[in-house]
Amino acid sequence: MSTAAPPQTVLAAIDVGTNAVRLELARPDADGALETLHQERDPIRPGEGVFATGSMPEETADRLLSTLRRYAALCRKHKARVRAVATSAMRDARNQQEIVQRVRDEAGLNLEVVSGKEEARLICLGVLHRKPPHVRSLLVDIGGGSTEVALATGERPDELWSLALGSVRITEMFEASGKVTPKRLRLMRSYVEEQLRKAIPERLPNSPRVALGSSGTINAVVGFAASEGTAHASLRQLTSAVDMLSEMTPERRRKRFDPRRADIIVAGATILERAARHLGVESITAVNRGLRDGLLVDLLYRQDEHREDHSLADAAVAMGRRLLFDEKHARQVARLALTLFDELAALHNLPLSCRPYLETAALLHDVGNAVSYERHHKHTYYLIHNSDIPGLADHERELVARVARYHQRSPPELHHSGMQGLSAAEARLVRKLATLLRVANALDGGHHQPVKELRATNGRDTVSLHLKARQPVDLELWMVEREVALFRRVFGKRLVPHLGR
């Protein structure tokens, strides 16, 4: 199925990084390729001082707001569909909510402060878009505040990591913008090695020997280290480059690089060299795609209702496995819940974009058992609410957590304390999805997957569930009966199960 968008659609990606703020406007063609219409980059250093003080200074926030107001005006001019994200510096800033609110009020933009793993997922999508489905790739991206690593098959990530290792962060930590002594360089290398060892297994199995490196820092380091006319640097060349850069005076570095890049280049090169060594790769190839490209591809995919994307479900299953969930039960409940969603579309009248929320909530509805079986629905809410689930923005993860929380016990009534803080539209969405989830959960009440087939038909006064079972379903039918009253309050129809052969 093509991922083509309507020909007049313009997509906009805004990336509030640690070093700079960037905008890209693009238009998809009939084949789903993206044609760039306009690009801007403003090196205003949103992360300057954040890692040392824990807060974004007011003058930096003012510069950021001025830039984003201009970007928002350009997006409105092109009638673009926008996704704006902020990364490591904003994640660390204590005053992030205040700044996000200012961006909403003054620029009219919804600025998402994305998690490290979501940042890694988007970078992966941008760099590997349209990669052949069976090709394995290893990707490294070094930003100002964090480093993202992804192991992927095709354009789909298999593993994602995000580390608090960035060129600005390490520069500030080790005061490495000026002269770098051999002792300081040893300390930097040791620190970076330690963080890599803590986060990522050494020499990943079945990992490519050549890694792809995105970001301006990697392009600058590889450009310095590589042989003339090539875009790849070996591990030996990277090690030599780190030594050479650290021995240069700050003045010489500024003659070789853009002045703002020159201040952080030693730290960036050190991170890249140690990452290459830790991952066991022979060389790094620089690429010119990254987070902005991933934002555009993500927007492209989100507006294609016919595209099947299993990456969010894969992330949910990975989280469930870490928490030792009952995978057979979770997958069965998800299958039944999605059947109800699809076959009762005219009844619930929810957009197709809500379907992944229901699937994720269904897969994770019992993860609270990892804390305690008693009140596990509340523990489920806490775990989802506080987890890093690539593919979900913060507000989407909150909706999923609420749906999963209401899979049992108290019904999702609008006045219930667990519904507080939601808008009226969000509360209705949670209420409808949670009701479908409760029915699906009831249909596997014994956790033995007795229902092999489910059809749902929407009649004038009733919704009929046509079940084919491989074993007795007395418990399941009894549990469905307990959901009939709620179903009627939410959807205005009686729920009637029918058992066939």
Protein backbone atom coordinates (compact mmCIF):
# COMPACT_ATOMS: atom_id res chain seq x y z
CA MET A 1 0.00 0.00 0.00
CA SER A 2 1.41 3.42 -0.93
CA THR A 3 2.19 5.95 1.77
CA ALA A 4 1.24 8.78 -0.57
CA ALA A 5 -0.40 11.83 0.96
CA PRO A 6 -2.76 14.29 -0.74
CA PRO A 7 -0.66 16.27 -3.26
CA GLN A 8 -1.19 19.64 -1.57
CA THR A 9 -0.26 18.46 1.93
CA VAL A 10 2.74 20.24 3.41
CA LEU A 11 4.46 18.68 6.41
CA ALA A 12 6.58 20.64 8.89
CA ALA A 13 9.19 19.36 11.34
CA ILE A 14 10.52 21.55 14.14
CA ASP A 15 13.44 20.26 16.22
CA VAL A 16 14.39 22.13 19.39
CA GLY A 17 17.78 20.60 20.09
CA THR A 18 20.55 21.46 22.52
CA ASN A 19 22.75 23.27 19.98
CA ALA A 20 20.19 24.70 17.58
CA VAL A 21 16.57 24.96 16.51
CA ARG A 22 15.65 23.68 13.07
CA LEU A 23 12.66 23.82 10.74
CA GLU A 24 12.00 21.80 7.61
CA LEU A 25 8.97 22.04 5.34
CA ALA A 26 8.38 19.23 2.85
CA ARG A 27 5.73 17.96 0.48
CA PRO A 28 5.15 14.25 -0.23
CA ASP A 29 4.97 13.27 -3.88
CA ALA A 30 2.70 10.61 -5.36
CA ASP A 31 5.18 7.86 -4.41
CA GLY A 32 5.50 9.00 -0.81
CA ALA A 33 8.95 10.56 -1.25
CA LEU A 34 9.49 13.90 0.50
CA GLU A 35 10.44 17.03 -1.46
CA THR A 36 12.03 19.72 0.74
CA LEU A 37 10.41 23.14 0.32
CA HIS A 38 12.23 25.16 2.95
CA GLN A 39 14.85 24.72 5.69
CA GLU A 40 16.05 26.93 8.53
CA ARG A 41 18.61 26.48 11.29
CA ASP A 42 19.15 28.91 14.15
CA PRO A 43 22.17 28.16 16.40
CA ILE A 44 20.66 29.74 19.52
CA ARG A 45 21.95 26.98 21.88
CA PRO A 46 18.72 26.19 23.80
CA GLY A 47 20.75 23.93 26.08
CA GLU A 48 23.33 26.53 27.08
CA GLY A 49 23.64 26.36 30.87
CA VAL A 50 20.85 23.81 31.33
CA PHE A 51 23.15 20.92 32.21
CA ALA A 52 25.04 23.01 34.75
CA THR A 53 22.09 24.83 36.38
CA GLY A 54 19.15 22.52 35.62
CA SER A 55 17.11 25.36 34.16
CA MET A 56 16.85 27.28 30.87
CA PRO A 57 17.76 30.95 31.44
CA GLU A 58 15.09 33.52 30.64
CA GLU A 59 17.16 35.17 27.89
CA THR A 60 17.63 31.78 26.18
CA ALA A 61 13.89 31.07 26.45
CA ASP A 62 13.18 34.47 24.89
CA ARG A 63 15.48 33.69 21.94
CA LEU A 64 13.77 30.33 21.56
CA LEU A 65 10.30 31.88 21.59
CA SER A 66 11.30 34.49 19.01
CA THR A 67 12.56 31.75 16.70
CA LEU A 68 9.50 29.53 17.18
CA ARG A 69 7.10 32.41 16.52
CA ARG A 70 8.81 32.92 13.15
CA TYR A 71 8.71 29.18 12.39
CA ALA A 72 5.01 29.02 13.32
CA ALA A 73 4.24 31.90 10.94
CA LEU A 74 5.98 30.04 8.11
CA CYS A 75 4.01 26.88 8.90
CA ARG A 76 0.73 28.81 8.86
CA LYS A 77 1.69 30.44 5.56
CA HIS A 78 2.13 26.98 3.99
CA LYS A 79 -0.91 25.53 5.86
CA ALA A 80 1.43 22.81 7.07
CA ARG A 81 0.74 19.91 9.36
CA VAL A 82 3.31 20.37 12.13
CA ARG A 83 5.10 18.22 14.66
CA ALA A 84 7.43 20.13 16.98
CA VAL A 85 9.67 18.31 19.45
CA ALA A 86 12.26 19.24 22.05
CA THR A 87 15.00 16.85 23.11
CA SER A 88 17.69 16.47 25.77
CA ALA A 89 18.12 20.04 27.03
CA MET A 90 14.38 20.51 27.51
CA ARG A 91 14.10 17.07 29.11
CA ASP A 92 16.58 18.24 31.75
CA ALA A 93 15.19 21.73 32.27
CA ARG A 94 13.20 22.18 35.49
CA ASN A 95 11.20 24.97 33.83
CA GLN A 96 10.23 22.91 30.78
CA GLN A 97 6.48 23.13 31.49
CA GLU A 98 6.64 26.92 31.74
CA ILE A 99 8.47 27.11 28.39
CA VAL A 100 6.11 24.62 26.71
CA GLN A 101 3.17 26.74 27.89
CA ARG A 102 4.79 29.91 26.53
CA VAL A 103 5.35 28.20 23.18
CA ARG A 104 1.67 27.21 23.10
CA ASP A 105 0.47 30.68 24.08
CA GLU A 106 2.89 32.84 22.09
CA ALA A 107 3.66 30.72 19.02
CA GLY A 108 0.55 28.54 18.82
CA LEU A 109 2.66 25.38 18.67
CA ASN A 110 2.28 22.16 20.65
CA LEU A 111 5.90 21.47 21.63
CA GLU A 112 6.44 17.85 22.71
CA VAL A 113 9.31 17.12 25.06
CA VAL A 114 10.07 13.65 23.70
CA SER A 115 11.76 10.86 25.62
CA GLY A 116 15.20 9.62 24.69
CA LYS A 117 13.85 6.42 23.17
CA GLU A 118 11.26 8.32 21.12
CA GLU A 119 14.04 10.58 19.87
CA ALA A 120 16.04 7.46 18.91
CA ARG A 121 13.00 5.99 17.13
CA LEU A 122 12.44 9.15 15.10
CA ILE A 123 16.12 9.43 14.14
CA CYS A 124 16.03 5.77 13.10
CA LEU A 125 12.94 6.41 10.97
CA GLY A 126 14.51 9.44 9.34
CA VAL A 127 17.85 7.83 8.50
CA LEU A 128 16.48 4.44 7.45
CA HIS A 129 13.31 5.51 5.62
CA ARG A 130 12.71 3.13 2.68
CA LYS A 131 15.59 0.87 3.69
CA PRO A 132 15.06 -2.66 2.29
CA PRO A 133 13.08 -4.65 4.89
CA HIS A 134 15.73 -7.29 5.63
CA VAL A 135 18.82 -5.05 5.84
CA ARG A 136 20.35 -4.73 9.32
CA SER A 137 21.62 -1.29 10.37
CA LEU A 138 23.39 0.17 13.38
CA LEU A 139 22.84 3.89 13.88
CA VAL A 140 24.55 6.42 16.17
CA ASP A 141 23.44 10.04 16.65
CA ILE A 142 25.31 12.49 18.89
CA GLY A 143 23.38 15.56 19.93
CA GLY A 144 24.28 18.32 22.32
CA GLY A 145 22.76 16.62 25.35
CA SER A 146 22.36 12.96 24.50
CA THR A 147 23.53 10.15 22.26
CA GLU A 148 21.04 7.82 20.62
CA VAL A 149 21.88 4.33 19.34
CA ALA A 150 19.55 2.09 17.33
CA LEU A 151 19.83 -1.43 15.97
CA ALA A 152 17.28 -1.89 13.20
CA THR A 153 15.98 -4.23 10.51
CA GLY A 154 14.78 -2.31 7.48
CA GLU A 155 13.48 0.94 8.93
CA ARG A 156 12.07 -0.70 12.06
CA PRO A 157 14.16 -0.50 15.25
CA ASP A 158 14.86 -3.73 17.11
CA GLU A 159 16.64 -2.02 20.03
CA LEU A 160 16.81 1.64 21.05
CA TRP A 161 19.11 3.31 23.56
CA SER A 162 19.45 6.90 24.73
CA LEU A 163 22.37 8.01 26.90
CA ALA A 164 23.01 11.30 28.70
CA LEU A 165 26.17 11.79 26.63
CA GLY A 166 26.13 14.85 24.41
CA SER A 167 28.78 17.15 22.99
CA VAL A 168 27.55 20.20 24.94
CA ARG A 169 26.87 18.22 28.13
CA ILE A 170 30.36 16.61 28.17
CA THR A 171 32.04 19.88 27.17
CA GLU A 172 30.43 21.66 30.13
CA MET A 173 31.09 18.77 32.50
CA PHE A 174 34.84 18.62 31.70
CA GLU A 175 35.35 22.27 30.68
CA ALA A 176 36.60 21.05 27.32
CA SER A 177 35.88 24.07 25.12
CA GLY A 178 39.39 25.46 25.69
CA LYS A 179 42.67 23.65 26.07
CA VAL A 180 42.27 19.92 26.73
CA THR A 181 45.14 18.38 28.67
CA PRO A 182 46.06 14.68 28.29
CA LYS A 183 44.74 14.06 31.82
CA ARG A 184 41.41 15.69 31.04
CA LEU A 185 41.12 13.71 27.83
CA ARG A 186 41.73 10.47 29.75
CA LEU A 187 39.00 11.42 32.22
CA MET A 188 36.56 12.19 29.40
CA ARG A 189 37.27 8.90 27.67
CA SER A 190 36.89 6.95 30.92
CA TYR A 191 33.60 8.65 31.76
CA VAL A 192 32.13 8.05 28.30
CA GLU A 193 33.25 4.40 28.38
CA GLU A 194 31.61 3.90 31.76
CA GLN A 195 28.28 5.34 30.60
CA LEU A 196 28.33 3.18 27.46
CA ARG A 197 29.07 0.02 29.47
CA LYS A 198 26.18 0.75 31.84
CA ALA A 199 23.66 1.26 29.04
CA ILE A 200 24.52 -0.87 26.00
CA PRO A 201 25.77 -4.47 25.71
CA GLU A 202 29.23 -4.69 24.14
CA ARG A 203 29.48 -5.92 20.54
CA LEU A 204 25.80 -6.40 19.84
CA PRO A 205 24.94 -9.78 18.29
CA ASN A 206 24.43 -9.81 14.51
CA SER A 207 25.35 -6.16 14.41
CA PRO A 208 26.78 -4.57 11.23
CA ARG A 209 30.49 -3.82 11.22
CA VAL A 210 29.87 -0.38 9.74
CA ALA A 211 27.64 2.03 11.68
CA LEU A 212 25.74 4.99 10.25
CA GLY A 213 26.34 8.30 11.99
CA SER A 214 23.83 11.14 11.83
CA SER A 215 23.96 14.67 13.32
CA GLY A 216 26.11 17.70 12.63
CA THR A 217 28.68 16.67 15.21
CA ILE A 218 29.29 13.28 13.61
CA ASN A 219 29.45 14.78 10.14
CA ALA A 220 32.05 17.29 11.36
CA VAL A 221 34.14 14.66 13.17
CA VAL A 222 34.04 12.14 10.31
CA GLY A 223 34.83 14.92 7.82
CA PHE A 224 37.91 15.76 9.86
CA ALA A 225 39.01 12.17 10.47
CA ALA A 226 38.28 10.55 7.10
CA SER A 227 40.57 10.27 4.10
CA GLU A 228 40.00 13.01 1.55
CA GLY A 229 36.98 12.39 -0.68
CA THR A 230 35.36 9.81 1.61
CA ALA A 231 32.46 10.00 4.09
CA HIS A 232 33.55 7.24 6.43
CA ALA A 233 36.18 7.00 9.14
CA SER A 234 37.75 3.90 10.63
CA LEU A 235 38.12 3.40 14.36
CA ARG A 236 41.86 4.06 14.03
CA GLN A 237 41.16 7.34 12.19
CA LEU A 238 38.66 8.39 14.87
CA THR A 239 41.18 7.70 17.65
CA SER A 240 43.82 9.71 15.81
CA ALA A 241 41.29 12.54 15.26
CA VAL A 242 40.47 12.75 18.98
CA ASP A 243 44.16 12.99 19.84
CA MET A 244 44.77 15.67 17.19
CA LEU A 245 41.73 17.76 18.16
CA SER A 246 42.60 17.68 21.85
CA GLU A 247 46.15 18.88 21.09
CA MET A 248 44.91 21.84 19.00
CA THR A 249 44.56 25.26 20.56
CA PRO A 250 41.00 26.62 20.69
CA GLU A 251 42.01 29.17 18.03
CA ARG A 252 43.12 26.43 15.60
CA ARG A 253 39.89 24.50 16.19
CA ARG A 254 37.86 27.62 15.40
CA LYS A 255 39.73 28.05 12.12
CA ARG A 256 38.91 24.47 11.16
CA PHE A 257 35.24 24.42 12.30
CA ASP A 258 32.34 26.77 12.77
CA PRO A 259 33.12 28.62 16.05
CA ARG A 260 30.20 27.13 17.99
CA ARG A 261 30.99 23.65 16.68
CA ALA A 262 34.68 24.13 17.50
CA ASP A 263 33.87 24.64 21.19
CA ILE A 264 32.28 21.19 21.50
CA ILE A 265 34.14 19.17 18.86
CA VAL A 266 36.60 17.45 21.24
CA ALA A 267 33.77 16.11 23.39
CA GLY A 268 31.78 15.04 20.33
CA ALA A 269 34.75 13.25 18.81
CA THR A 270 35.49 11.50 22.11
CA ILE A 271 31.90 10.21 22.36
CA LEU A 272 31.96 8.96 18.76
CA GLU A 273 35.33 7.22 19.12
CA ARG A 274 34.38 5.48 22.39
CA ALA A 275 30.94 4.51 21.02
CA ALA A 276 32.51 2.96 17.91
CA ARG A 277 34.96 1.03 20.07
CA HIS A 278 32.25 -0.15 22.50
CA LEU A 279 29.92 -1.25 19.68
CA GLY A 280 32.71 -3.16 17.98
CA VAL A 281 32.37 -1.47 14.59
CA GLU A 282 35.14 -1.04 12.08
CA SER A 283 34.06 2.36 10.79
CA ILE A 284 31.41 5.09 10.90
CA THR A 285 29.74 6.39 7.74
CA ALA A 286 28.30 9.91 8.02
CA VAL A 287 24.78 10.51 6.70
CA ASN A 288 22.86 13.75 6.24
CA ARG A 289 19.50 12.59 7.57
CA GLY A 290 18.28 12.66 11.14
CA LEU A 291 15.58 13.73 13.56
CA ARG A 292 13.83 16.24 11.30
CA ASP A 293 13.57 13.66 8.53
CA GLY A 294 12.12 11.22 11.05
CA LEU A 295 9.51 13.75 12.15
CA LEU A 296 8.44 14.24 8.52
CA VAL A 297 8.25 10.49 7.85
CA ASP A 298 6.30 10.01 11.09
CA LEU A 299 3.80 12.69 10.00
CA LEU A 300 3.56 11.03 6.59
CA TYR A 301 2.82 7.63 8.12
CA ARG A 302 0.35 8.97 10.68
CA GLN A 303 -1.89 10.44 7.98
CA ASP A 304 -1.95 7.20 5.98
CA GLU A 305 -4.83 5.30 7.57
CA HIS A 306 -4.17 2.21 5.44
CA ARG A 307 -0.60 1.71 6.60
CA GLU A 308 0.02 -1.03 9.14
CA ASP A 309 2.69 -0.07 11.65
CA HIS A 310 3.55 -2.63 14.31
CA SER A 311 6.37 -0.66 15.95
CA LEU A 312 4.22 0.61 18.83
CA ALA A 313 2.84 -2.86 19.55
CA ASP A 314 6.39 -4.24 19.42
CA ALA A 315 7.48 -1.62 21.96
CA ALA A 316 4.55 -2.54 24.23
CA VAL A 317 5.38 -6.24 24.05
CA ALA A 318 9.04 -5.49 24.84
CA MET A 319 7.94 -3.55 27.92
CA GLY A 320 5.57 -6.34 28.93
CA ARG A 321 8.33 -8.94 28.67
CA ARG A 322 10.60 -6.86 30.89
CA LEU A 323 7.80 -6.93 33.48
CA LEU A 324 7.18 -10.67 33.01
CA PHE A 325 3.59 -10.27 31.78
CA ASP A 326 1.32 -13.10 30.64
CA GLU A 327 2.04 -12.65 26.92
CA LYS A 328 -0.53 -15.13 25.61
CA HIS A 329 -3.28 -13.46 27.61
CA ALA A 330 -2.13 -9.97 26.59
CA ARG A 331 -2.04 -10.82 22.90
CA GLN A 332 -5.44 -12.53 23.08
CA VAL A 333 -7.04 -9.53 24.80
CA ALA A 334 -5.45 -7.19 22.23
CA ARG A 335 -6.75 -9.32 19.36
CA LEU A 336 -10.28 -9.36 20.76
CA ALA A 337 -10.25 -5.66 21.61
CA LEU A 338 -9.14 -4.70 18.09
CA THR A 339 -11.85 -6.93 16.61
CA LEU A 340 -14.44 -5.05 18.68
CA PHE A 341 -12.95 -1.69 17.65
CA ASP A 342 -12.98 -2.57 13.95
CA GLU A 343 -16.41 -4.20 13.78
CA LEU A 344 -18.15 -1.61 15.97
CA ALA A 345 -16.64 1.47 14.27
CA ALA A 346 -20.06 2.94 13.51
CA LEU A 347 -21.05 2.56 17.17
CA HIS A 348 -18.01 4.04 18.92
CA ASN A 349 -17.40 6.65 16.19
CA LEU A 350 -13.74 7.09 17.13
CA PRO A 351 -11.01 7.99 14.63
CA LEU A 352 -8.74 5.23 13.39
CA SER A 353 -5.81 7.02 15.03
CA CYS A 354 -7.18 5.80 18.41
CA ARG A 355 -6.78 2.14 17.46
CA PRO A 356 -3.09 1.94 18.51
CA TYR A 357 -4.03 3.36 21.93
CA LEU A 358 -6.44 0.49 22.50
CA GLU A 359 -3.93 -2.10 21.26
CA THR A 360 -1.18 -0.77 23.52
CA ALA A 361 -3.48 -0.58 26.55
CA ALA A 362 -4.68 -4.11 25.89
CA LEU A 363 -1.15 -5.49 25.63
CA LEU A 364 -0.09 -3.76 28.85
CA HIS A 365 -3.29 -3.90 30.92
CA ASP A 366 -1.89 -6.43 33.41
CA VAL A 367 1.71 -5.22 33.79
CA GLY A 368 0.83 -3.89 37.24
CA ASN A 369 1.03 -7.50 38.45
CA ALA A 370 4.81 -6.97 38.44
CA VAL A 371 4.27 -4.73 41.49
CA SER A 372 1.35 -6.51 43.17
CA TYR A 373 -1.72 -8.45 42.12
CA GLU A 374 -3.84 -6.45 44.55
CA ARG A 375 -4.87 -3.15 42.93
CA HIS A 376 -2.76 -4.07 39.92
CA HIS A 377 -4.90 -1.88 37.67
CA LYS A 378 -3.55 1.18 39.54
CA HIS A 379 0.00 -0.14 39.36
CA THR A 380 -0.54 -0.61 35.62
CA TYR A 381 -1.46 3.06 35.29
CA TYR A 382 1.67 4.11 37.20
CA LEU A 383 4.01 1.90 35.16
CA ILE A 384 2.66 3.05 31.78
CA HIS A 385 2.47 6.69 32.87
CA ASN A 386 6.14 6.64 33.91
CA SER A 387 7.53 4.48 31.11
CA ASP A 388 9.38 5.42 27.95
CA ILE A 389 7.29 3.89 25.14
CA PRO A 390 8.68 4.84 21.69
CA GLY A 391 5.88 5.92 19.37
CA LEU A 392 3.79 7.65 22.03
CA ALA A 393 3.93 11.33 22.91
CA ASP A 394 3.46 12.19 26.58
CA HIS A 395 -0.26 13.00 26.24
CA GLU A 396 -0.84 9.84 24.20
CA ARG A 397 0.92 7.72 26.82
CA GLU A 398 -1.33 9.29 29.46
CA LEU A 399 -4.44 8.28 27.51
CA VAL A 400 -3.14 4.72 27.12
CA ALA A 401 -2.38 4.55 30.85
CA ARG A 402 -5.93 5.66 31.70
CA VAL A 403 -7.52 3.13 29.34
CA ALA A 404 -5.41 0.31 30.81
CA ARG A 405 -6.14 1.44 34.37
CA TYR A 406 -9.89 0.94 33.77
CA HIS A 407 -9.66 -2.62 32.45
CA GLN A 408 -11.25 -3.83 35.71
CA ARG A 409 -12.72 -2.69 39.04
CA SER A 410 -14.18 0.86 39.02
CA PRO A 411 -15.87 1.71 35.71
CA PRO A 412 -14.57 4.71 33.72
CA GLU A 413 -17.37 7.06 34.74
CA LEU A 414 -16.83 10.72 33.92
CA HIS A 415 -17.02 11.74 37.60
CA HIS A 416 -14.49 9.14 38.83
CA SER A 417 -11.28 10.50 40.36
CA GLY A 418 -9.15 8.61 37.82
CA MET A 419 -10.69 10.67 34.99
CA GLN A 420 -9.65 14.01 36.47
CA GLY A 421 -7.46 16.24 34.34
CA LEU A 422 -8.86 15.01 31.01
CA SER A 423 -10.74 17.24 28.61
CA ALA A 424 -14.32 16.24 27.83
CA ALA A 425 -13.25 14.75 24.48
CA GLU A 426 -10.37 12.81 26.08
CA ALA A 427 -12.63 11.49 28.83
CA ARG A 428 -15.13 10.21 26.25
CA LEU A 429 -12.31 8.53 24.31
CA VAL A 430 -10.93 6.83 27.44
CA ARG A 431 -14.43 5.75 28.47
CA LYS A 432 -15.20 4.13 25.10
CA LEU A 433 -11.84 2.41 24.68
CA ALA A 434 -11.78 1.18 28.27
CA THR A 435 -15.27 -0.32 27.85
CA LEU A 436 -14.14 -2.25 24.77
CA LEU A 437 -11.04 -3.38 26.67
CA ARG A 438 -13.12 -4.61 29.61
CA VAL A 439 -15.25 -6.77 27.30
CA ALA A 440 -12.15 -8.16 25.59
CA ASN A 441 -10.51 -8.88 28.95
CA ALA A 442 -13.67 -10.64 30.16
CA LEU A 443 -13.58 -12.89 27.07
CA ASP A 444 -10.25 -14.26 28.34
CA GLY A 445 -11.13 -14.19 32.01
CA GLY A 446 -9.44 -17.52 32.72
CA HIS A 447 -6.26 -16.61 30.80
CA HIS A 448 -6.56 -19.80 28.71
CA GLN A 449 -7.61 -18.24 25.35
CA PRO A 450 -10.78 -20.32 24.88
CA VAL A 451 -12.28 -17.93 22.28
CA LYS A 452 -10.86 -18.79 18.88
CA GLU A 453 -13.11 -16.51 16.84
CA LEU A 454 -15.14 -13.37 17.58
CA ARG A 455 -17.54 -11.39 15.43
CA ALA A 456 -19.50 -8.37 16.64
CA THR A 457 -22.65 -7.11 14.94
CA ASN A 458 -24.28 -3.77 15.65
CA GLY A 459 -28.06 -4.12 15.71
CA ARG A 460 -30.78 -1.55 16.35
CA ASP A 461 -30.94 -2.08 20.12
CA THR A 462 -28.29 -4.70 20.74
CA VAL A 463 -24.69 -5.52 20.00
CA SER A 464 -24.30 -9.25 19.44
CA LEU A 465 -21.04 -11.07 20.17
CA HIS A 466 -20.77 -14.25 18.10
CA LEU A 467 -18.25 -16.55 19.73
CA LYS A 468 -16.58 -19.74 18.59
CA ALA A 469 -14.72 -21.46 21.40
CA ARG A 470 -12.26 -24.34 21.66
CA GLN A 471 -13.27 -25.14 25.26
CA PRO A 472 -15.98 -24.14 27.78
CA VAL A 473 -16.42 -20.38 28.32
CA ASP A 474 -18.69 -20.33 31.38
CA LEU A 475 -16.32 -18.05 33.29
CA GLU A 476 -15.94 -15.73 30.32
CA LEU A 477 -19.69 -15.43 29.75
CA TRP A 478 -20.20 -14.67 33.43
CA MET A 479 -17.54 -11.94 33.29
CA VAL A 480 -19.06 -10.44 30.11
CA GLU A 481 -22.42 -10.29 31.87
CA ARG A 482 -20.81 -8.06 34.52
CA GLU A 483 -19.88 -5.53 31.79
CA VAL A 484 -23.33 -5.34 30.17
CA ALA A 485 -24.60 -2.44 32.31
CA LEU A 486 -21.50 -0.30 31.63
CA PHE A 487 -21.62 -1.11 27.92
CA ARG A 488 -25.23 0.09 27.80
CA ARG A 489 -24.39 3.33 29.63
CA VAL A 490 -21.49 4.09 27.30
CA PHE A 491 -22.91 2.95 23.95
CA GLY A 492 -26.67 2.93 24.56
CA LYS A 493 -27.13 -0.70 23.52
CA ARG A 494 -27.47 -4.07 25.20
CA LEU A 495 -24.57 -6.50 24.84
CA VAL A 496 -25.61 -10.07 24.05
CA PRO A 497 -23.12 -12.95 23.62
CA HIS A 498 -24.00 -15.91 21.36
CA LEU A 499 -22.00 -19.12 21.55
CA GLY A 500 -21.64 -21.05 18.30
CA ARG A 501 -19.71 -24.09 17.21
